[in-house]
N, C-alpha and C. Protein backbone atom coordinates (compact mmCIF):
# COMPACT_ATOMS: atom_id res chain seq x y z
N UNK A 1 39.16 -44.38 18.37
CA UNK A 1 39.38 -43.35 17.40
C UNK A 1 38.53 -43.65 16.17
N UNK A 2 37.99 -42.63 15.57
CA UNK A 2 37.13 -42.80 14.40
C UNK A 2 37.89 -42.39 13.14
N UNK A 3 37.83 -43.23 12.14
CA UNK A 3 38.50 -42.95 10.86
C UNK A 3 37.45 -42.68 9.80
N UNK A 4 37.66 -41.65 9.03
CA UNK A 4 36.73 -41.29 7.97
C UNK A 4 37.44 -41.49 6.63
N UNK A 5 36.97 -42.40 5.81
CA UNK A 5 37.61 -42.62 4.51
C UNK A 5 37.37 -41.46 3.55
N UNK A 6 38.32 -41.20 2.70
CA UNK A 6 38.22 -40.18 1.65
C UNK A 6 38.01 -40.86 0.31
N UNK A 7 37.58 -40.09 -0.67
CA UNK A 7 37.40 -40.58 -2.05
C UNK A 7 36.56 -41.87 -2.09
N UNK A 8 35.39 -41.81 -1.51
CA UNK A 8 34.56 -43.00 -1.39
C UNK A 8 34.10 -43.55 -2.74
N UNK A 9 33.74 -42.68 -3.67
CA UNK A 9 33.25 -43.15 -4.96
C UNK A 9 34.34 -43.89 -5.73
N UNK A 10 35.52 -43.30 -5.80
CA UNK A 10 36.63 -43.94 -6.51
C UNK A 10 37.02 -45.25 -5.85
N UNK A 11 37.06 -45.27 -4.51
CA UNK A 11 37.41 -46.50 -3.80
C UNK A 11 36.36 -47.58 -4.02
N UNK A 12 35.09 -47.19 -4.01
CA UNK A 12 34.02 -48.17 -4.21
C UNK A 12 34.06 -48.75 -5.62
N UNK A 13 34.35 -47.92 -6.61
CA UNK A 13 34.45 -48.43 -7.98
C UNK A 13 35.62 -49.39 -8.14
N UNK A 14 36.76 -49.04 -7.56
CA UNK A 14 37.92 -49.93 -7.67
C UNK A 14 37.69 -51.25 -6.93
N UNK A 15 37.10 -51.17 -5.75
CA UNK A 15 36.84 -52.41 -5.00
C UNK A 15 35.79 -53.26 -5.71
N UNK A 16 34.84 -52.64 -6.38
CA UNK A 16 33.87 -53.40 -7.18
C UNK A 16 34.56 -54.13 -8.33
N UNK A 17 35.51 -53.45 -8.96
CA UNK A 17 36.30 -54.08 -10.02
C UNK A 17 37.12 -55.25 -9.50
N UNK A 18 37.70 -55.08 -8.32
CA UNK A 18 38.47 -56.17 -7.71
C UNK A 18 37.55 -57.34 -7.39
N UNK A 19 36.35 -57.05 -6.90
CA UNK A 19 35.40 -58.12 -6.60
C UNK A 19 34.98 -58.87 -7.86
N UNK A 20 34.80 -58.14 -8.95
CA UNK A 20 34.43 -58.79 -10.21
C UNK A 20 35.57 -59.69 -10.71
N UNK A 21 36.78 -59.16 -10.71
CA UNK A 21 37.93 -59.95 -11.18
C UNK A 21 38.16 -61.16 -10.27
N UNK A 22 38.02 -60.93 -8.96
CA UNK A 22 38.18 -62.05 -8.03
C UNK A 22 37.12 -63.12 -8.24
N UNK A 23 35.89 -62.71 -8.56
CA UNK A 23 34.83 -63.67 -8.81
C UNK A 23 35.02 -64.43 -10.10
N UNK A 24 35.52 -63.77 -11.12
CA UNK A 24 35.74 -64.43 -12.41
C UNK A 24 36.86 -65.46 -12.31
N UNK A 25 37.94 -65.09 -11.64
CA UNK A 25 39.10 -65.98 -11.58
C UNK A 25 39.16 -66.83 -10.32
N UNK A 26 38.22 -66.65 -9.41
CA UNK A 26 38.18 -67.46 -8.20
C UNK A 26 39.26 -67.10 -7.19
N UNK A 27 39.66 -65.84 -7.15
CA UNK A 27 40.68 -65.39 -6.21
C UNK A 27 40.04 -64.57 -5.10
N UNK A 28 40.70 -64.51 -3.96
CA UNK A 28 40.26 -63.63 -2.89
C UNK A 28 40.61 -62.19 -3.24
N UNK A 29 39.89 -61.25 -2.69
CA UNK A 29 40.11 -59.86 -3.04
C UNK A 29 40.99 -59.09 -2.08
N UNK A 30 41.47 -59.73 -1.03
CA UNK A 30 42.28 -59.04 -0.04
C UNK A 30 43.60 -58.53 -0.58
N UNK A 31 44.13 -59.19 -1.58
CA UNK A 31 45.41 -58.77 -2.15
C UNK A 31 45.32 -57.40 -2.81
N UNK A 32 44.14 -56.98 -3.21
CA UNK A 32 43.99 -55.69 -3.87
C UNK A 32 43.13 -54.71 -3.09
N UNK A 33 42.22 -55.19 -2.27
CA UNK A 33 41.34 -54.25 -1.57
C UNK A 33 42.04 -53.52 -0.43
N UNK A 34 43.01 -54.17 0.22
CA UNK A 34 43.75 -53.50 1.29
C UNK A 34 44.57 -52.33 0.75
N UNK A 35 45.32 -52.48 -0.35
CA UNK A 35 46.01 -51.30 -0.88
C UNK A 35 45.05 -50.20 -1.35
N UNK A 36 43.90 -50.58 -1.89
CA UNK A 36 42.93 -49.56 -2.31
C UNK A 36 42.43 -48.78 -1.11
N UNK A 37 42.09 -49.48 -0.04
CA UNK A 37 41.62 -48.79 1.16
C UNK A 37 42.71 -47.95 1.79
N UNK A 38 43.94 -48.44 1.73
CA UNK A 38 45.04 -47.71 2.34
C UNK A 38 45.45 -46.51 1.51
N UNK A 39 45.59 -46.68 0.20
CA UNK A 39 46.10 -45.61 -0.65
C UNK A 39 45.01 -44.67 -1.16
N UNK A 40 43.91 -45.22 -1.64
CA UNK A 40 42.86 -44.37 -2.21
C UNK A 40 41.98 -43.75 -1.13
N UNK A 41 41.55 -44.54 -0.17
CA UNK A 41 40.67 -44.03 0.87
C UNK A 41 41.44 -43.38 2.02
N UNK A 42 42.75 -43.48 1.97
CA UNK A 42 43.64 -42.87 2.97
C UNK A 42 43.33 -43.33 4.39
N UNK A 43 43.15 -44.64 4.53
CA UNK A 43 42.97 -45.23 5.85
C UNK A 43 44.31 -45.80 6.30
N UNK A 44 44.57 -45.82 7.60
CA UNK A 44 45.79 -46.48 8.08
C UNK A 44 45.77 -47.97 7.71
N UNK A 45 46.94 -48.55 7.58
CA UNK A 45 47.05 -49.93 7.12
C UNK A 45 46.33 -50.90 8.06
N UNK A 46 46.46 -50.71 9.35
CA UNK A 46 45.78 -51.60 10.30
C UNK A 46 44.26 -51.54 10.15
N UNK A 47 43.73 -50.36 9.92
CA UNK A 47 42.29 -50.22 9.74
C UNK A 47 41.86 -50.86 8.42
N UNK A 48 42.65 -50.68 7.36
CA UNK A 48 42.32 -51.28 6.07
C UNK A 48 42.29 -52.79 6.15
N UNK A 49 43.21 -53.37 6.90
CA UNK A 49 43.24 -54.83 7.05
C UNK A 49 42.03 -55.31 7.85
N UNK A 50 41.64 -54.58 8.89
CA UNK A 50 40.50 -54.99 9.70
C UNK A 50 39.19 -54.82 8.95
N UNK A 51 39.07 -53.81 8.09
CA UNK A 51 37.85 -53.60 7.31
C UNK A 51 37.71 -54.63 6.20
N UNK A 52 38.80 -55.27 5.84
CA UNK A 52 38.76 -56.21 4.74
C UNK A 52 38.15 -57.48 5.17
């Protein structure tokens, strides 16, 4: 099955912010990128976890 993410620009900006914060503080970004992919991009949770 093929999944097409929605709101790509907003999701990309938020994930970029998470990457910046994760890089500054030395944290992994999975704690925030999975909810962004699931809620903002409207991907199923399993797909968001696998894309992370």
